[in-house]
Amino acid sequence: MTIAQQLKVTKFPFVIKNDMGKEIYFENSNGKWCKYEYDERGREIYYERSDGYWIKYEYDERGNEIYWENSDGIIRDNRPNVVPEYTMEELTAKLGHNFKIKK
């Protein structure tokens, strides 16, 4: 049962907006809906339709889209490759035992 059906809405399209005025839910009279999620800056980070299709987004600190993935398995990944840095103690904890580093 959709949100509009639960609320016995008769006027369509049925739209719910968040505090920033962004649409977070949309439903047609035929019961098809879509919903949206946004980050704290108002950028869309998730979209989903009633047919199961979805999209996820990620952005860098400047607002550029750096990651996009959908339910069809398509991924656009432009996130920077960050090489993790560890202390010897952290590596020992990750491996679960002591080790030596070869040159």
C-alpha atoms as a PDB file:
ATOM      1  CA  MET A   1       0.000   0.000   0.000  1.00  0.00           C
ATOM      2  CA  THR A   2       1.401   3.406  -0.979  1.00  0.00           C
ATOM      3  CA  ILE A   3       1.552   6.463   1.268  1.00  0.00           C
ATOM      4  CA  ALA A   4      -1.265   8.190  -0.642  1.00  0.00           C
ATOM      5  CA  GLN A   5      -3.422   5.067  -0.383  1.00  0.00           C
ATOM      6  CA  GLN A   6      -2.774   4.841   3.364  1.00  0.00           C
ATOM      7  CA  LEU A   7      -3.741   8.504   3.793  1.00  0.00           C
ATOM      8  CA  LYS A   8      -6.749   8.134   1.441  1.00  0.00           C
ATOM      9  CA  VAL A   9      -5.439  10.939  -0.794  1.00  0.00           C
ATOM     10  CA  THR A  10      -7.630  11.709  -3.805  1.00  0.00           C
ATOM     11  CA  LYS A  11      -5.808  14.714  -5.307  1.00  0.00           C
ATOM     12  CA  PHE A  12      -2.749  13.884  -7.424  1.00  0.00           C
ATOM     13  CA  PRO A  13       0.074  14.214  -7.870  1.00  0.00           C
ATOM     14  CA  PHE A  14       0.737  13.705  -4.160  1.00  0.00           C
ATOM     15  CA  VAL A  15       4.010  15.366  -3.082  1.00  0.00           C
ATOM     16  CA  ILE A  16       5.867  15.527   0.244  1.00  0.00           C
ATOM     17  CA  LYS A  17       8.699  18.048   0.698  1.00  0.00           C
ATOM     18  CA  ASN A  18      11.324  18.351   3.423  1.00  0.00           C
ATOM     19  CA  ASP A  19      12.150  21.443   5.513  1.00  0.00           C
ATOM     20  CA  MET A  20      14.381  22.768   2.720  1.00  0.00           C
ATOM     21  CA  GLY A  21      11.514  22.603   0.201  1.00  0.00           C
ATOM     22  CA  LYS A  22      13.029  19.608  -1.579  1.00  0.00           C
ATOM     23  CA  GLU A  23      10.697  16.925  -2.855  1.00  0.00           C
ATOM     24  CA  ILE A  24      11.213  13.697  -0.899  1.00  0.00           C
ATOM     25  CA  TYR A  25       8.181  11.747  -2.141  1.00  0.00           C
ATOM     26  CA  PHE A  26       6.057  11.904  -5.285  1.00  0.00           C
ATOM     27  CA  GLU A  27       3.110   9.692  -6.189  1.00  0.00           C
ATOM     28  CA  ASN A  28       0.783   9.550  -9.204  1.00  0.00           C
ATOM     29  CA  SER A  29      -2.853   8.479  -9.206  1.00  0.00           C
ATOM     30  CA  ASN A  30      -1.823   5.104 -10.660  1.00  0.00           C
ATOM     31  CA  GLY A  31       0.129   4.285  -7.466  1.00  0.00           C
ATOM     32  CA  LYS A  32       3.577   4.746  -8.988  1.00  0.00           C
ATOM     33  CA  TRP A  33       5.892   6.664  -6.672  1.00  0.00           C
ATOM     34  CA  CYS A  34       9.443   7.890  -6.312  1.00  0.00           C
ATOM     35  CA  LYS A  35      11.347   9.057  -3.289  1.00  0.00           C
ATOM     36  CA  TYR A  36      14.458  11.152  -2.798  1.00  0.00           C
ATOM     37  CA  GLU A  37      17.061  11.630  -0.071  1.00  0.00           C
ATOM     38  CA  TYR A  38      19.429  14.586   0.257  1.00  0.00           C
ATOM     39  CA  ASP A  39      22.581  15.355   2.212  1.00  0.00           C
ATOM     40  CA  GLU A  40      22.920  18.298   4.613  1.00  0.00           C
ATOM     41  CA  ARG A  41      23.757  20.601   1.669  1.00  0.00           C
ATOM     42  CA  GLY A  42      20.603  19.680  -0.222  1.00  0.00           C
ATOM     43  CA  ARG A  43      22.327  17.491  -2.811  1.00  0.00           C
ATOM     44  CA  GLU A  44      20.450  14.392  -3.932  1.00  0.00           C
ATOM     45  CA  ILE A  45      22.127  11.254  -2.581  1.00  0.00           C
ATOM     46  CA  TYR A  46      19.433   8.636  -3.236  1.00  0.00           C
ATOM     47  CA  TYR A  47      16.535   8.142  -5.628  1.00  0.00           C
ATOM     48  CA  GLU A  48      14.146   5.202  -5.756  1.00  0.00           C
ATOM     49  CA  ARG A  49      11.078   4.333  -7.847  1.00  0.00           C
ATOM     50  CA  SER A  50       8.170   2.026  -7.115  1.00  0.00           C
ATOM     51  CA  ASP A  51       9.447  -0.412  -9.761  1.00  0.00           C
ATOM     52  CA  GLY A  52      12.590  -1.033  -7.682  1.00  0.00           C
ATOM     53  CA  TYR A  53      15.001   1.104  -9.704  1.00  0.00           C
ATOM     54  CA  TRP A  54      17.368   3.218  -7.551  1.00  0.00           C
ATOM     55  CA  ILE A  55      20.386   5.508  -7.838  1.00  0.00           C
ATOM     56  CA  LYS A  56      22.977   6.479  -5.207  1.00  0.00           C
ATOM     57  CA  TYR A  57      25.192   9.571  -5.441  1.00  0.00           C
ATOM     58  CA  GLU A  58      28.280  10.841  -3.592  1.00  0.00           C
ATOM     59  CA  TYR A  59      29.900  14.275  -3.815  1.00  0.00           C
ATOM     60  CA  ASP A  60      33.249  15.752  -2.872  1.00  0.00           C
ATOM     61  CA  GLU A  61      33.651  18.731  -0.548  1.00  0.00           C
ATOM     62  CA  ARG A  62      33.263  21.118  -3.518  1.00  0.00           C
ATOM     63  CA  GLY A  63      29.933  19.599  -4.551  1.00  0.00           C
ATOM     64  CA  ASN A  64      31.218  17.665  -7.560  1.00  0.00           C
ATOM     65  CA  GLU A  65      29.605  14.284  -8.120  1.00  0.00           C
ATOM     66  CA  ILE A  66      32.319  11.673  -7.560  1.00  0.00           C
ATOM     67  CA  TYR A  67      30.277   8.461  -7.358  1.00  0.00           C
ATOM     68  CA  TRP A  68      27.121   7.224  -9.043  1.00  0.00           C
ATOM     69  CA  GLU A  69      25.615   3.761  -8.856  1.00  0.00           C
ATOM     70  CA  ASN A  70      22.267   2.367  -9.944  1.00  0.00           C
ATOM     71  CA  SER A  71      20.254  -0.803  -9.433  1.00  0.00           C
ATOM     72  CA  ASP A  72      21.246  -2.025 -12.912  1.00  0.00           C
ATOM     73  CA  GLY A  73      24.810  -2.428 -11.630  1.00  0.00           C
ATOM     74  CA  ILE A  74      26.221   0.573 -13.496  1.00  0.00           C
ATOM     75  CA  ILE A  75      28.863   2.437 -11.472  1.00  0.00           C
ATOM     76  CA  ARG A  76      30.739   5.663 -12.213  1.00  0.00           C
ATOM     77  CA  ASP A  77      33.437   5.960  -9.592  1.00  0.00           C
ATOM     78  CA  ASN A  78      35.576   9.096  -9.699  1.00  0.00           C
ATOM     79  CA  ARG A  79      36.482   9.054  -6.006  1.00  0.00           C
ATOM     80  CA  PRO A  80      40.152   9.776  -5.369  1.00  0.00           C
ATOM     81  CA  ASN A  81      42.309   6.736  -4.640  1.00  0.00           C
ATOM     82  CA  VAL A  82      43.508   7.258  -1.113  1.00  0.00           C
ATOM     83  CA  VAL A  83      46.344   5.018   0.036  1.00  0.00           C
ATOM     84  CA  PRO A  84      45.750   4.174   3.687  1.00  0.00           C
ATOM     85  CA  GLU A  85      48.563   4.738   6.167  1.00  0.00           C
ATOM     86  CA  TYR A  86      49.042   2.484   9.190  1.00  0.00           C
ATOM     87  CA  THR A  87      51.391   2.254  12.132  1.00  0.00           C
ATOM     88  CA  MET A  88      53.076  -1.090  12.841  1.00  0.00           C
ATOM     89  CA  GLU A  89      50.682  -1.562  15.776  1.00  0.00           C
ATOM     90  CA  GLU A  90      47.653  -0.984  13.551  1.00  0.00           C
ATOM     91  CA  LEU A  91      48.938  -3.447  10.934  1.00  0.00           C
ATOM     92  CA  THR A  92      49.627  -6.048  13.624  1.00  0.00           C
ATOM     93  CA  ALA A  93      46.069  -5.604  14.916  1.00  0.00           C
ATOM     94  CA  LYS A  94      44.640  -5.936  11.379  1.00  0.00           C
ATOM     95  CA  LEU A  95      46.654  -9.067  10.589  1.00  0.00           C
ATOM     96  CA  GLY A  96      46.117 -10.592  14.015  1.00  0.00           C
ATOM     97  CA  HIS A  97      49.810 -11.462  14.477  1.00  0.00           C
ATOM     98  CA  ASN A  98      53.304  -9.967  14.361  1.00  0.00           C
ATOM     99  CA  PHE A  99      55.156  -9.664  11.056  1.00  0.00           C
ATOM    100  CA  LYS A 100      58.321  -8.341   9.437  1.00  0.00           C
ATOM    101  CA  ILE A 101      58.562  -6.053   6.438  1.00  0.00           C
ATOM    102  CA  LYS A 102      60.897  -7.180   3.650  1.00  0.00           C
ATOM    103  CA  LYS A 103      62.804  -4.771   1.468  1.00  0.00           C
END
